[in-house]
C-alpha atoms as a PDB file:
ATOM      1  CA  MET A   1      -2.806 -72.683 -24.273  1.00  0.00           C
ATOM      2  CA  ASN A   2      -4.080 -72.705 -20.647  1.00  0.00           C
ATOM      3  CA  LEU A   3      -3.178 -69.029 -20.135  1.00  0.00           C
ATOM      4  CA  LEU A   4      -5.361 -68.850 -17.092  1.00  0.00           C
ATOM      5  CA  ILE A   5      -4.873 -72.276 -15.545  1.00  0.00           C
ATOM      6  CA  ASN A   6      -5.429 -72.356 -11.684  1.00  0.00           C
ATOM      7  CA  LYS A   7      -6.888 -68.812 -11.802  1.00  0.00           C
ATOM      8  CA  THR A   8     -10.383 -67.936 -10.489  1.00  0.00           C
ATOM      9  CA  ALA A   9     -12.209 -65.038 -12.092  1.00  0.00           C
ATOM     10  CA  ILE A  10     -15.321 -63.112 -11.044  1.00  0.00           C
ATOM     11  CA  ILE A  11     -17.225 -61.843 -14.040  1.00  0.00           C
ATOM     12  CA  THR A  12     -20.219 -59.612 -13.502  1.00  0.00           C
ATOM     13  CA  GLY A  13     -22.961 -59.584 -16.115  1.00  0.00           C
ATOM     14  CA  GLY A  14     -21.582 -63.093 -16.834  1.00  0.00           C
ATOM     15  CA  SER A  15     -24.705 -64.716 -18.243  1.00  0.00           C
ATOM     16  CA  ASP A  16     -24.978 -62.875 -21.515  1.00  0.00           C
ATOM     17  CA  GLY A  17     -23.198 -60.862 -24.285  1.00  0.00           C
ATOM     18  CA  ILE A  18     -19.711 -59.711 -23.542  1.00  0.00           C
ATOM     19  CA  GLY A  19     -19.725 -61.249 -20.035  1.00  0.00           C
ATOM     20  CA  PHE A  20     -20.607 -64.714 -21.196  1.00  0.00           C
ATOM     21  CA  ALA A  21     -18.186 -64.540 -24.155  1.00  0.00           C
ATOM     22  CA  THR A  22     -15.472 -63.616 -21.633  1.00  0.00           C
ATOM     23  CA  ALA A  23     -16.484 -66.489 -19.316  1.00  0.00           C
ATOM     24  CA  THR A  24     -16.285 -68.830 -22.297  1.00  0.00           C
ATOM     25  CA  ALA A  25     -12.861 -67.558 -23.342  1.00  0.00           C
ATOM     26  CA  PHE A  26     -11.530 -67.697 -19.847  1.00  0.00           C
ATOM     27  CA  ALA A  27     -12.801 -71.353 -19.393  1.00  0.00           C
ATOM     28  CA  GLU A  28     -11.098 -72.248 -22.641  1.00  0.00           C
ATOM     29  CA  GLN A  29      -7.841 -71.048 -21.101  1.00  0.00           C
ATOM     30  CA  GLY A  30      -8.369 -73.060 -17.863  1.00  0.00           C
ATOM     31  CA  ALA A  31      -9.842 -70.448 -15.525  1.00  0.00           C
ATOM     32  CA  ASN A  32     -12.375 -71.323 -12.826  1.00  0.00           C
ATOM     33  CA  LEU A  33     -15.320 -68.971 -12.790  1.00  0.00           C
ATOM     34  CA  ILE A  34     -17.780 -67.047 -10.581  1.00  0.00           C
ATOM     35  CA  LEU A  35     -20.480 -65.648 -12.781  1.00  0.00           C
ATOM     36  CA  ILE A  36     -22.719 -62.908 -11.303  1.00  0.00           C
ATOM     37  CA  GLY A  37     -26.004 -61.831 -12.930  1.00  0.00           C
ATOM     38  CA  ARG A  38     -29.572 -61.076 -12.016  1.00  0.00           C
ATOM     39  CA  ASP A  39     -31.260 -63.960 -13.802  1.00  0.00           C
ATOM     40  CA  LYS A  40     -30.840 -67.195 -11.840  1.00  0.00           C
ATOM     41  CA  GLU A  41     -32.337 -69.417 -14.591  1.00  0.00           C
ATOM     42  CA  LYS A  42     -30.135 -67.898 -17.313  1.00  0.00           C
ATOM     43  CA  LEU A  43     -27.056 -68.268 -15.089  1.00  0.00           C
ATOM     44  CA  GLY A  44     -27.890 -71.960 -14.518  1.00  0.00           C
ATOM     45  CA  HIS A  45     -28.136 -72.576 -18.265  1.00  0.00           C
ATOM     46  CA  LYS A  46     -24.852 -70.863 -18.903  1.00  0.00           C
ATOM     47  CA  GLU A  47     -23.169 -72.847 -16.119  1.00  0.00           C
ATOM     48  CA  LYS A  48     -24.166 -76.115 -17.876  1.00  0.00           C
ATOM     49  CA  LEU A  49     -22.765 -74.814 -21.196  1.00  0.00           C
ATOM     50  CA  LEU A  50     -19.375 -74.021 -19.439  1.00  0.00           C
ATOM     51  CA  LYS A  51     -18.996 -77.460 -17.813  1.00  0.00           C
ATOM     52  CA  GLN A  52     -17.616 -78.815 -21.103  1.00  0.00           C
ATOM     53  CA  TYR A  53     -14.327 -77.033 -20.302  1.00  0.00           C
ATOM     54  CA  ASP A  54     -13.562 -79.032 -17.219  1.00  0.00           C
ATOM     55  CA  VAL A  55     -13.335 -75.911 -14.992  1.00  0.00           C
ATOM     56  CA  THR A  56     -15.223 -75.106 -11.790  1.00  0.00           C
ATOM     57  CA  VAL A  57     -18.143 -72.779 -12.379  1.00  0.00           C
ATOM     58  CA  HIS A  58     -20.114 -71.067  -9.628  1.00  0.00           C
ATOM     59  CA  THR A  59     -23.073 -68.731 -10.293  1.00  0.00           C
ATOM     60  CA  LEU A  60     -24.472 -66.098  -8.006  1.00  0.00           C
ATOM     61  CA  ALA A  61     -27.792 -64.391  -8.765  1.00  0.00           C
ATOM     62  CA  ALA A  62     -27.533 -60.755  -7.508  1.00  0.00           C
ATOM     63  CA  ASP A  63     -28.415 -57.182  -8.424  1.00  0.00           C
ATOM     64  CA  ILE A  64     -25.032 -55.494  -7.769  1.00  0.00           C
ATOM     65  CA  SER A  65     -26.564 -52.021  -8.158  1.00  0.00           C
ATOM     66  CA  ASN A  66     -27.578 -52.725  -4.606  1.00  0.00           C
ATOM     67  CA  LYS A  67     -24.582 -52.433  -2.309  1.00  0.00           C
ATOM     68  CA  ASP A  68     -26.006 -54.975   0.089  1.00  0.00           C
ATOM     69  CA  SER A  69     -25.859 -57.559  -2.638  1.00  0.00           C
ATOM     70  CA  ILE A  70     -22.131 -57.081  -2.850  1.00  0.00           C
ATOM     71  CA  SER A  71     -21.758 -57.918   0.830  1.00  0.00           C
ATOM     72  CA  GLU A  72     -23.822 -61.125   0.142  1.00  0.00           C
ATOM     73  CA  ILE A  73     -21.598 -62.001  -2.720  1.00  0.00           C
ATOM     74  CA  VAL A  74     -18.451 -61.726  -0.551  1.00  0.00           C
ATOM     75  CA  GLU A  75     -20.057 -63.925   2.117  1.00  0.00           C
ATOM     76  CA  GLN A  76     -20.980 -66.614  -0.401  1.00  0.00           C
ATOM     77  CA  VAL A  77     -17.517 -66.604  -1.979  1.00  0.00           C
ATOM     78  CA  ARG A  78     -15.863 -66.825   1.439  1.00  0.00           C
ATOM     79  CA  SER A  79     -18.172 -69.666   2.426  1.00  0.00           C
ATOM     80  CA  LYS A  80     -16.819 -71.682  -0.513  1.00  0.00           C
ATOM     81  CA  ASN A  81     -13.177 -70.925   0.525  1.00  0.00           C
ATOM     82  CA  ILE A  82     -12.420 -69.369  -2.898  1.00  0.00           C
ATOM     83  CA  LYS A  83      -9.601 -67.004  -3.540  1.00  0.00           C
ATOM     84  CA  ILE A  84     -10.024 -64.495  -6.364  1.00  0.00           C
ATOM     85  CA  ASN A  85      -7.280 -63.823  -8.946  1.00  0.00           C
ATOM     86  CA  ILE A  86      -9.182 -61.805 -11.536  1.00  0.00           C
ATOM     87  CA  ILE A  87     -12.167 -59.479 -11.495  1.00  0.00           C
ATOM     88  CA  VAL A  88     -13.924 -58.513 -14.736  1.00  0.00           C
ATOM     89  CA  ASN A  89     -16.332 -55.591 -14.057  1.00  0.00           C
ATOM     90  CA  ASN A  90     -18.665 -55.996 -17.011  1.00  0.00           C
ATOM     91  CA  ALA A  91     -22.141 -55.449 -15.735  1.00  0.00           C
ATOM     92  CA  GLY A  92     -23.561 -52.158 -16.683  1.00  0.00           C
ATOM     93  CA  ILE A  93     -26.555 -50.130 -17.808  1.00  0.00           C
ATOM     94  CA  ALA A  94     -26.961 -47.752 -20.680  1.00  0.00           C
ATOM     95  CA  ARG A  95     -30.129 -45.651 -21.014  1.00  0.00           C
ATOM     96  CA  PHE A  96     -30.022 -42.976 -23.752  1.00  0.00           C
ATOM     97  CA  ILE A  97     -32.095 -40.279 -22.144  1.00  0.00           C
ATOM     98  CA  PRO A  98     -31.886 -36.499 -22.914  1.00  0.00           C
ATOM     99  CA  PHE A  99     -30.170 -34.537 -20.225  1.00  0.00           C
ATOM    100  CA  SER A 100     -33.352 -32.499 -19.641  1.00  0.00           C
ATOM    101  CA  SER A 101     -35.314 -35.771 -18.990  1.00  0.00           C
ATOM    102  CA  THR A 102     -32.794 -37.647 -16.801  1.00  0.00           C
ATOM    103  CA  ASP A 103     -34.347 -37.888 -13.308  1.00  0.00           C
ATOM    104  CA  ILE A 104     -32.591 -38.783 -10.140  1.00  0.00           C
ATOM    105  CA  GLN A 105     -33.629 -42.421 -10.328  1.00  0.00           C
ATOM    106  CA  ALA A 106     -32.098 -42.926 -13.744  1.00  0.00           C
ATOM    107  CA  LEU A 107     -28.959 -41.073 -12.732  1.00  0.00           C
ATOM    108  CA  ASP A 108     -28.614 -43.083  -9.490  1.00  0.00           C
ATOM    109  CA  TYR A 109     -29.058 -46.442 -11.355  1.00  0.00           C
ATOM    110  CA  HIS A 110     -26.286 -45.565 -13.743  1.00  0.00           C
ATOM    111  CA  LEU A 111     -23.978 -44.505 -10.929  1.00  0.00           C
ATOM    112  CA  ASN A 112     -24.788 -47.463  -8.729  1.00  0.00           C
ATOM    113  CA  LEU A 113     -24.261 -50.164 -11.356  1.00  0.00           C
ATOM    114  CA  ASN A 114     -21.621 -48.616 -13.611  1.00  0.00           C
ATOM    115  CA  VAL A 115     -19.427 -46.940 -11.046  1.00  0.00           C
ATOM    116  CA  LYS A 116     -20.172 -47.903  -7.365  1.00  0.00           C
ATOM    117  CA  ALA A 117     -20.527 -51.636  -8.092  1.00  0.00           C
ATOM    118  CA  PRO A 118     -17.106 -52.043  -9.726  1.00  0.00           C
ATOM    119  CA  TYR A 119     -15.530 -49.903  -7.049  1.00  0.00           C
ATOM    120  CA  LEU A 120     -17.072 -51.779  -4.123  1.00  0.00           C
ATOM    121  CA  LEU A 121     -16.664 -55.266  -5.564  1.00  0.00           C
ATOM    122  CA  THR A 122     -13.008 -54.665  -6.309  1.00  0.00           C
ATOM    123  CA  GLN A 123     -12.422 -53.224  -2.916  1.00  0.00           C
ATOM    124  CA  ALA A 124     -14.162 -56.197  -1.305  1.00  0.00           C
ATOM    125  CA  PHE A 125     -11.700 -58.669  -2.843  1.00  0.00           C
ATOM    126  CA  LEU A 126      -8.643 -56.410  -2.649  1.00  0.00           C
ATOM    127  CA  HIS A 127      -6.677 -58.673  -0.242  1.00  0.00           C
ATOM    128  CA  ASP A 128      -7.274 -61.571  -2.592  1.00  0.00           C
ATOM    129  CA  LEU A 129      -5.888 -59.526  -5.558  1.00  0.00           C
ATOM    130  CA  ILE A 130      -2.842 -58.481  -3.588  1.00  0.00           C
ATOM    131  CA  ASP A 131      -2.132 -62.025  -2.285  1.00  0.00           C
ATOM    132  CA  SER A 132      -2.394 -63.479  -5.769  1.00  0.00           C
ATOM    133  CA  GLN A 133      -0.758 -60.662  -7.651  1.00  0.00           C
ATOM    134  CA  GLY A 134      -4.051 -60.589  -9.562  1.00  0.00           C
ATOM    135  CA  ASN A 135      -5.676 -58.096 -11.921  1.00  0.00           C
ATOM    136  CA  VAL A 136      -8.806 -56.162 -12.654  1.00  0.00           C
ATOM    137  CA  ILE A 137     -10.441 -55.558 -16.032  1.00  0.00           C
ATOM    138  CA  ASN A 138     -13.074 -52.873 -16.304  1.00  0.00           C
ATOM    139  CA  ILE A 139     -15.421 -52.736 -19.300  1.00  0.00           C
ATOM    140  CA  SER A 140     -15.861 -49.168 -20.401  1.00  0.00           C
ATOM    141  CA  SER A 141     -17.282 -47.870 -23.675  1.00  0.00           C
ATOM    142  CA  TYR A 142     -16.534 -45.652 -26.593  1.00  0.00           C
ATOM    143  CA  PHE A 143     -19.178 -43.395 -25.155  1.00  0.00           C
ATOM    144  CA  SER A 144     -16.631 -42.109 -22.681  1.00  0.00           C
ATOM    145  CA  LYS A 145     -14.984 -40.315 -25.532  1.00  0.00           C
ATOM    146  CA  ARG A 146     -17.236 -40.191 -28.554  1.00  0.00           C
ATOM    147  CA  MET A 147     -20.881 -39.333 -28.813  1.00  0.00           C
ATOM    148  CA  LEU A 148     -23.399 -40.146 -31.586  1.00  0.00           C
ATOM    149  CA  PRO A 149     -26.350 -38.233 -32.997  1.00  0.00           C
ATOM    150  CA  ASP A 150     -29.671 -39.131 -31.578  1.00  0.00           C
ATOM    151  CA  ARG A 151     -28.019 -41.047 -28.711  1.00  0.00           C
ATOM    152  CA  PRO A 152     -28.101 -38.671 -25.735  1.00  0.00           C
ATOM    153  CA  SER A 153     -25.743 -40.175 -23.206  1.00  0.00           C
ATOM    154  CA  THR A 154     -24.883 -37.781 -20.413  1.00  0.00           C
ATOM    155  CA  ALA A 155     -25.490 -40.282 -17.544  1.00  0.00           C
ATOM    156  CA  TYR A 156     -23.909 -43.271 -19.364  1.00  0.00           C
ATOM    157  CA  SER A 157     -20.945 -41.296 -20.773  1.00  0.00           C
ATOM    158  CA  MET A 158     -20.290 -39.750 -17.337  1.00  0.00           C
ATOM    159  CA  THR A 159     -20.053 -43.173 -15.677  1.00  0.00           C
ATOM    160  CA  LYS A 160     -17.847 -44.600 -18.379  1.00  0.00           C
ATOM    161  CA  GLY A 161     -15.574 -41.607 -18.072  1.00  0.00           C
ATOM    162  CA  ALA A 162     -15.505 -42.262 -14.281  1.00  0.00           C
ATOM    163  CA  ILE A 163     -14.647 -45.972 -14.769  1.00  0.00           C
ATOM    164  CA  GLU A 164     -11.627 -45.041 -16.943  1.00  0.00           C
ATOM    165  CA  SER A 165     -10.403 -42.577 -14.384  1.00  0.00           C
ATOM    166  CA  PHE A 166     -10.906 -45.200 -11.636  1.00  0.00           C
ATOM    167  CA  THR A 167      -8.885 -47.725 -13.780  1.00  0.00           C
ATOM    168  CA  LYS A 168      -5.928 -45.332 -14.013  1.00  0.00           C
ATOM    169  CA  ALA A 169      -5.999 -44.167 -10.419  1.00  0.00           C
ATOM    170  CA  LEU A 170      -6.347 -47.781  -9.157  1.00  0.00           C
ATOM    171  CA  ALA A 171      -3.517 -48.978 -11.355  1.00  0.00           C
ATOM    172  CA  PHE A 172      -1.305 -46.263  -9.996  1.00  0.00           C
ATOM    173  CA  GLU A 173      -2.183 -47.076  -6.404  1.00  0.00           C
ATOM    174  CA  LEU A 174      -2.017 -50.849  -6.616  1.00  0.00           C
ATOM    175  CA  GLY A 175       0.943 -51.214  -8.978  1.00  0.00           C
ATOM    176  CA  PRO A 176       3.541 -51.331  -6.101  1.00  0.00           C
ATOM    177  CA  GLN A 177       1.571 -54.203  -4.657  1.00  0.00           C
ATOM    178  CA  GLY A 178       1.680 -56.237  -7.811  1.00  0.00           C
ATOM    179  CA  VAL A 179      -1.982 -55.731  -8.862  1.00  0.00           C
ATOM    180  CA  ARG A 180      -2.662 -54.746 -12.542  1.00  0.00           C
ATOM    181  CA  VAL A 181      -5.774 -52.765 -13.513  1.00  0.00           C
ATOM    182  CA  ASN A 182      -6.793 -52.157 -17.176  1.00  0.00           C
ATOM    183  CA  ALA A 183     -10.055 -51.278 -19.060  1.00  0.00           C
ATOM    184  CA  ILE A 184     -11.420 -52.272 -22.398  1.00  0.00           C
ATOM    185  CA  ALA A 185     -13.624 -49.733 -24.279  1.00  0.00           C
ATOM    186  CA  PRO A 186     -15.701 -51.633 -26.766  1.00  0.00           C
ATOM    187  CA  GLY A 187     -17.385 -50.155 -29.801  1.00  0.00           C
ATOM    188  CA  THR A 188     -20.775 -51.369 -30.932  1.00  0.00           C
ATOM    189  CA  VAL A 189     -20.886 -55.195 -30.362  1.00  0.00           C
ATOM    190  CA  ALA A 190     -23.466 -57.708 -31.602  1.00  0.00           C
ATOM    191  CA  THR A 191     -24.740 -58.727 -28.236  1.00  0.00           C
ATOM    192  CA  PRO A 192     -28.132 -60.366 -27.872  1.00  0.00           C
ATOM    193  CA  GLN A 193     -29.531 -56.992 -26.783  1.00  0.00           C
ATOM    194  CA  VAL A 194     -28.129 -55.233 -29.856  1.00  0.00           C
ATOM    195  CA  GLU A 195     -29.432 -57.954 -32.113  1.00  0.00           C
ATOM    196  CA  SER A 196     -32.847 -57.844 -30.449  1.00  0.00           C
ATOM    197  CA  ASN A 197     -33.008 -54.075 -30.959  1.00  0.00           C
ATOM    198  CA  MET A 198     -32.039 -54.534 -34.694  1.00  0.00           C
ATOM    199  CA  GLU A 199     -34.874 -57.076 -35.197  1.00  0.00           C
ATOM    200  CA  ARG A 200     -37.418 -54.473 -34.035  1.00  0.00           C
ATOM    201  CA  LEU A 201     -36.248 -51.954 -36.750  1.00  0.00           C
ATOM    202  CA  ASP A 202     -38.075 -51.652 -40.086  1.00  0.00           C
ATOM    203  CA  ASN A 203     -36.076 -52.018 -43.269  1.00  0.00           C
ATOM    204  CA  GLU A 204     -35.466 -48.275 -43.620  1.00  0.00           C
ATOM    205  CA  ALA A 205     -34.143 -47.948 -40.110  1.00  0.00           C
ATOM    206  CA  LYS A 206     -31.858 -51.025 -40.591  1.00  0.00           C
ATOM    207  CA  ASN A 207     -30.469 -49.411 -43.797  1.00  0.00           C
ATOM    208  CA  ARG A 208     -29.779 -46.196 -41.944  1.00  0.00           C
ATOM    209  CA  PHE A 209     -28.022 -48.065 -39.128  1.00  0.00           C
ATOM    210  CA  ASN A 210     -25.840 -50.083 -41.606  1.00  0.00           C
ATOM    211  CA  ALA A 211     -24.979 -46.914 -43.433  1.00  0.00           C
ATOM    212  CA  MET A 212     -23.966 -45.219 -40.247  1.00  0.00           C
ATOM    213  CA  ILE A 213     -21.742 -48.156 -39.305  1.00  0.00           C
ATOM    214  CA  THR A 214     -20.067 -48.071 -42.746  1.00  0.00           C
ATOM    215  CA  SER A 215     -19.454 -44.276 -42.364  1.00  0.00           C
ATOM    216  CA  ILE A 216     -18.137 -44.127 -38.822  1.00  0.00           C
ATOM    217  CA  TYR A 217     -16.242 -47.460 -38.471  1.00  0.00           C
ATOM    218  CA  PRO A 218     -13.008 -47.679 -40.466  1.00  0.00           C
ATOM    219  CA  LEU A 219     -13.376 -51.484 -40.479  1.00  0.00           C
ATOM    220  CA  GLN A 220     -16.976 -50.943 -41.622  1.00  0.00           C
ATOM    221  CA  THR A 221     -18.570 -53.497 -39.344  1.00  0.00           C
ATOM    222  CA  ILE A 222     -19.528 -53.971 -35.637  1.00  0.00           C
ATOM    223  CA  GLY A 223     -17.778 -56.281 -33.332  1.00  0.00           C
ATOM    224  CA  GLU A 224     -18.534 -59.739 -31.800  1.00  0.00           C
ATOM    225  CA  PRO A 225     -18.532 -60.370 -28.098  1.00  0.00           C
ATOM    226  CA  LYS A 226     -15.506 -62.679 -28.656  1.00  0.00           C
ATOM    227  CA  ASP A 227     -13.475 -59.693 -29.873  1.00  0.00           C
ATOM    228  CA  ILE A 228     -13.717 -58.203 -26.375  1.00  0.00           C
ATOM    229  CA  ALA A 229     -13.294 -61.530 -24.680  1.00  0.00           C
ATOM    230  CA  ASP A 230     -10.064 -62.224 -26.530  1.00  0.00           C
ATOM    231  CA  MET A 231      -8.646 -58.874 -25.284  1.00  0.00           C
ATOM    232  CA  ALA A 232      -9.778 -59.707 -21.752  1.00  0.00           C
ATOM    233  CA  VAL A 233      -7.864 -63.031 -21.861  1.00  0.00           C
ATOM    234  CA  PHE A 234      -4.744 -61.258 -22.926  1.00  0.00           C
ATOM    235  CA  LEU A 235      -5.005 -58.598 -20.261  1.00  0.00           C
ATOM    236  CA  ALA A 236      -5.783 -61.224 -17.606  1.00  0.00           C
ATOM    237  CA  SER A 237      -2.848 -63.406 -18.536  1.00  0.00           C
ATOM    238  CA  GLU A 238       0.906 -63.250 -17.907  1.00  0.00           C
ATOM    239  CA  GLN A 239       1.323 -62.116 -21.463  1.00  0.00           C
ATOM    240  CA  ALA A 240       0.206 -58.659 -20.233  1.00  0.00           C
ATOM    241  CA  LYS A 241       2.397 -58.766 -17.030  1.00  0.00           C
ATOM    242  CA  TRP A 242       3.847 -55.283 -17.751  1.00  0.00           C
ATOM    243  CA  ILE A 243       0.677 -53.633 -18.755  1.00  0.00           C
ATOM    244  CA  THR A 244      -1.439 -51.649 -16.298  1.00  0.00           C
ATOM    245  CA  GLY A 245      -3.475 -48.451 -16.299  1.00  0.00           C
ATOM    246  CA  GLY A 246      -4.330 -48.926 -19.983  1.00  0.00           C
ATOM    247  CA  ILE A 247      -7.697 -48.059 -21.637  1.00  0.00           C
ATOM    248  CA  PHE A 248      -7.777 -50.277 -24.691  1.00  0.00           C
ATOM    249  CA  PRO A 249     -10.259 -49.480 -27.515  1.00  0.00           C
ATOM    250  CA  VAL A 250     -11.596 -52.562 -29.208  1.00  0.00           C
ATOM    251  CA  ASP A 251     -13.874 -50.714 -31.535  1.00  0.00           C
ATOM    252  CA  GLY A 252     -13.064 -51.329 -35.256  1.00  0.00           C
ATOM    253  CA  GLY A 253     -11.337 -48.016 -35.322  1.00  0.00           C
ATOM    254  CA  LEU A 254     -14.339 -45.991 -34.283  1.00  0.00           C
ATOM    255  CA  THR A 255     -12.479 -43.660 -31.971  1.00  0.00           C
ATOM    256  CA  THR A 256      -9.952 -42.765 -34.699  1.00  0.00           C
ATOM    257  CA  ASN A 257     -12.832 -41.066 -36.534  1.00  0.00           C
END
């Protein structure tokens, strides 16, 4: 359908999971891509996979929890004379640590990667977004609203609540300038990390996990990265031209429970 033809999107955490699924879905719709991740080798491999879509793909290896890396990203993008139309703030960290055991290093890492990085990266390319009447998609989580037993999430939940407030406030501020801002709040998704965690469980633990999914998800299954990517394509496209400030749960009905 070429919903994103002649658009250029930055996707953080773009070499794996939801980020790479979004990159693939965007490429299928004609978008050129800048993928940001920490692993240069993995980025290079994913760049090769995306070449089949006849789009331009750039990769930048950076740890965006470090604010200096964001300045370097801006310099590299500017050096290539690229204008940004879409930002997908996907990179994030989730460490499920009891509140009593969360030290300042863990708290700062959650804040730096989950909150400061999306804020500063979006700010850095604000003029591009205004000039192109572009849009921002922030990836949040059901943990902004719903907690689970044995998954202590104060630091993570706080940052995802913050990103949703940021989404609404920025949508309100930038709407008059033609920039849309939305967020997607996924449920449990079968990313490589989740699948790796599952492989380490014994049969009893796997059975408990599957029973939990059946009990708390009305659709009785976890999602696939493509489920989130398809929503991102819609929100990034002109099909969503009158949608801004929304927080969209893509979670199999989890947050209805």
